[in-house]
């Protein structure tokens, strides 16, 4: 899962970090740091809640990331099992 950060919309409410401090890093003024965020497997629900908590809608779940899933990346290589 990937979260797209729209920094121009961020107003520094810090609700995302309050919901998921391990996922969202803020600067000294409470604004989410620039750059999209790759969410670790298992943290998707927490990240989704944080995205929905943003009153400015500065965060967006990238729904196309599932389309980029590469099953070959998780297939064991020859000799592995």
C-alpha atoms as a PDB file:
ATOM      1  CA  UNK A   1       0.000   0.000   0.000  1.00  0.00           C
ATOM      2  CA  UNK A   2       1.230   3.473  -0.810  1.00  0.00           C
ATOM      3  CA  UNK A   3      -0.018   6.808   0.474  1.00  0.00           C
ATOM      4  CA  UNK A   4       0.251   9.855  -1.739  1.00  0.00           C
ATOM      5  CA  UNK A   5       1.063  13.011   0.223  1.00  0.00           C
ATOM      6  CA  UNK A   6      -0.361  16.275  -1.146  1.00  0.00           C
ATOM      7  CA  UNK A   7       1.901  18.670   0.748  1.00  0.00           C
ATOM      8  CA  UNK A   8       0.231  21.784  -0.646  1.00  0.00           C
ATOM      9  CA  UNK A   9      -2.987  20.751   1.128  1.00  0.00           C
ATOM     10  CA  UNK A  10      -1.406  19.903   4.491  1.00  0.00           C
ATOM     11  CA  UNK A  11      -2.258  22.461   7.179  1.00  0.00           C
ATOM     12  CA  UNK A  12      -0.316  20.855  10.023  1.00  0.00           C
ATOM     13  CA  UNK A  13      -3.234  19.431  12.022  1.00  0.00           C
ATOM     14  CA  UNK A  14      -1.071  16.333  12.702  1.00  0.00           C
ATOM     15  CA  UNK A  15      -4.057  14.004  12.928  1.00  0.00           C
ATOM     16  CA  UNK A  16      -2.323  11.487  10.672  1.00  0.00           C
ATOM     17  CA  UNK A  17       0.602  11.211  13.059  1.00  0.00           C
ATOM     18  CA  UNK A  18      -1.734  11.044  16.056  1.00  0.00           C
ATOM     19  CA  UNK A  19      -3.419   8.015  14.459  1.00  0.00           C
ATOM     20  CA  UNK A  20      -0.246   6.358  13.167  1.00  0.00           C
ATOM     21  CA  UNK A  21       2.967   7.917  14.504  1.00  0.00           C
ATOM     22  CA  UNK A  22       5.093   5.054  13.197  1.00  0.00           C
ATOM     23  CA  UNK A  23       3.901   5.711   9.632  1.00  0.00           C
ATOM     24  CA  UNK A  24       3.640   9.511   9.376  1.00  0.00           C
ATOM     25  CA  UNK A  25       6.662  11.649  10.148  1.00  0.00           C
ATOM     26  CA  UNK A  26       6.130  15.347  10.778  1.00  0.00           C
ATOM     27  CA  UNK A  27       8.439  18.327  10.609  1.00  0.00           C
ATOM     28  CA  UNK A  28       8.976  20.664  13.569  1.00  0.00           C
ATOM     29  CA  UNK A  29       5.833  22.629  12.684  1.00  0.00           C
ATOM     30  CA  UNK A  30       3.525  19.594  12.478  1.00  0.00           C
ATOM     31  CA  UNK A  31       3.426  19.200   8.698  1.00  0.00           C
ATOM     32  CA  UNK A  32       3.770  15.749   7.151  1.00  0.00           C
ATOM     33  CA  UNK A  33       7.144  15.336   5.479  1.00  0.00           C
ATOM     34  CA  UNK A  34       7.154  15.490   1.675  1.00  0.00           C
ATOM     35  CA  UNK A  35       7.143  12.332  -0.386  1.00  0.00           C
ATOM     36  CA  UNK A  36       4.823   9.408  -0.779  1.00  0.00           C
ATOM     37  CA  UNK A  37       4.764   6.775   1.941  1.00  0.00           C
ATOM     38  CA  UNK A  38       5.089   3.042   1.433  1.00  0.00           C
ATOM     39  CA  UNK A  39       3.110   1.297   4.150  1.00  0.00           C
ATOM     40  CA  UNK A  40       4.369  -2.003   5.496  1.00  0.00           C
ATOM     41  CA  UNK A  41       2.143  -5.026   5.241  1.00  0.00           C
ATOM     42  CA  UNK A  42       0.111  -5.281   8.422  1.00  0.00           C
ATOM     43  CA  UNK A  43      -0.094  -1.496   8.889  1.00  0.00           C
ATOM     44  CA  UNK A  44      -2.661  -0.912   6.133  1.00  0.00           C
ATOM     45  CA  UNK A  45      -5.686  -0.543   8.430  1.00  0.00           C
ATOM     46  CA  UNK A  46      -3.882   1.894  10.709  1.00  0.00           C
ATOM     47  CA  UNK A  47      -2.660   3.911   7.715  1.00  0.00           C
ATOM     48  CA  UNK A  48      -6.147   3.997   6.175  1.00  0.00           C
ATOM     49  CA  UNK A  49      -7.620   5.354   9.400  1.00  0.00           C
ATOM     50  CA  UNK A  50      -4.963   8.053   9.488  1.00  0.00           C
ATOM     51  CA  UNK A  51      -5.672   9.022   5.869  1.00  0.00           C
ATOM     52  CA  UNK A  52      -9.388   9.366   6.643  1.00  0.00           C
ATOM     53  CA  UNK A  53      -8.622  11.504   9.703  1.00  0.00           C
ATOM     54  CA  UNK A  54      -7.026  14.290   7.637  1.00  0.00           C
ATOM     55  CA  UNK A  55      -9.482  17.227   7.533  1.00  0.00           C
ATOM     56  CA  UNK A  56      -7.700  18.763   4.526  1.00  0.00           C
ATOM     57  CA  UNK A  57      -7.658  15.519   2.506  1.00  0.00           C
ATOM     58  CA  UNK A  58      -3.910  15.938   2.050  1.00  0.00           C
ATOM     59  CA  UNK A  59      -3.405  12.170   2.056  1.00  0.00           C
ATOM     60  CA  UNK A  60      -4.633   9.669  -0.486  1.00  0.00           C
ATOM     61  CA  UNK A  61      -4.409   5.892  -0.687  1.00  0.00           C
ATOM     62  CA  UNK A  62      -2.883   4.900  -4.023  1.00  0.00           C
ATOM     63  CA  UNK A  63      -5.317   2.283  -5.243  1.00  0.00           C
ATOM     64  CA  UNK A  64      -3.220   1.580  -8.328  1.00  0.00           C
ATOM     65  CA  UNK A  65      -0.420   0.107  -6.213  1.00  0.00           C
ATOM     66  CA  UNK A  66      -2.315  -3.181  -6.125  1.00  0.00           C
ATOM     67  CA  UNK A  67      -2.252  -3.212  -9.916  1.00  0.00           C
ATOM     68  CA  UNK A  68       1.551  -3.084  -9.805  1.00  0.00           C
ATOM     69  CA  UNK A  69       1.700  -6.270  -7.739  1.00  0.00           C
ATOM     70  CA  UNK A  70       4.321  -8.630  -9.148  1.00  0.00           C
ATOM     71  CA  UNK A  71       3.587 -12.232  -8.144  1.00  0.00           C
ATOM     72  CA  UNK A  72       7.019 -13.286  -9.420  1.00  0.00           C
ATOM     73  CA  UNK A  73       8.553 -11.210  -6.654  1.00  0.00           C
ATOM     74  CA  UNK A  74       7.187 -13.579  -4.011  1.00  0.00           C
ATOM     75  CA  UNK A  75       7.705 -16.858  -5.858  1.00  0.00           C
ATOM     76  CA  UNK A  76      10.540 -18.970  -4.456  1.00  0.00           C
ATOM     77  CA  UNK A  77      13.513 -19.240  -6.765  1.00  0.00           C
ATOM     78  CA  UNK A  78      14.833 -22.580  -7.938  1.00  0.00           C
ATOM     79  CA  UNK A  79      16.369 -24.445  -5.023  1.00  0.00           C
ATOM     80  CA  UNK A  80      14.463 -22.406  -2.376  1.00  0.00           C
ATOM     81  CA  UNK A  81      11.532 -23.663  -0.380  1.00  0.00           C
END
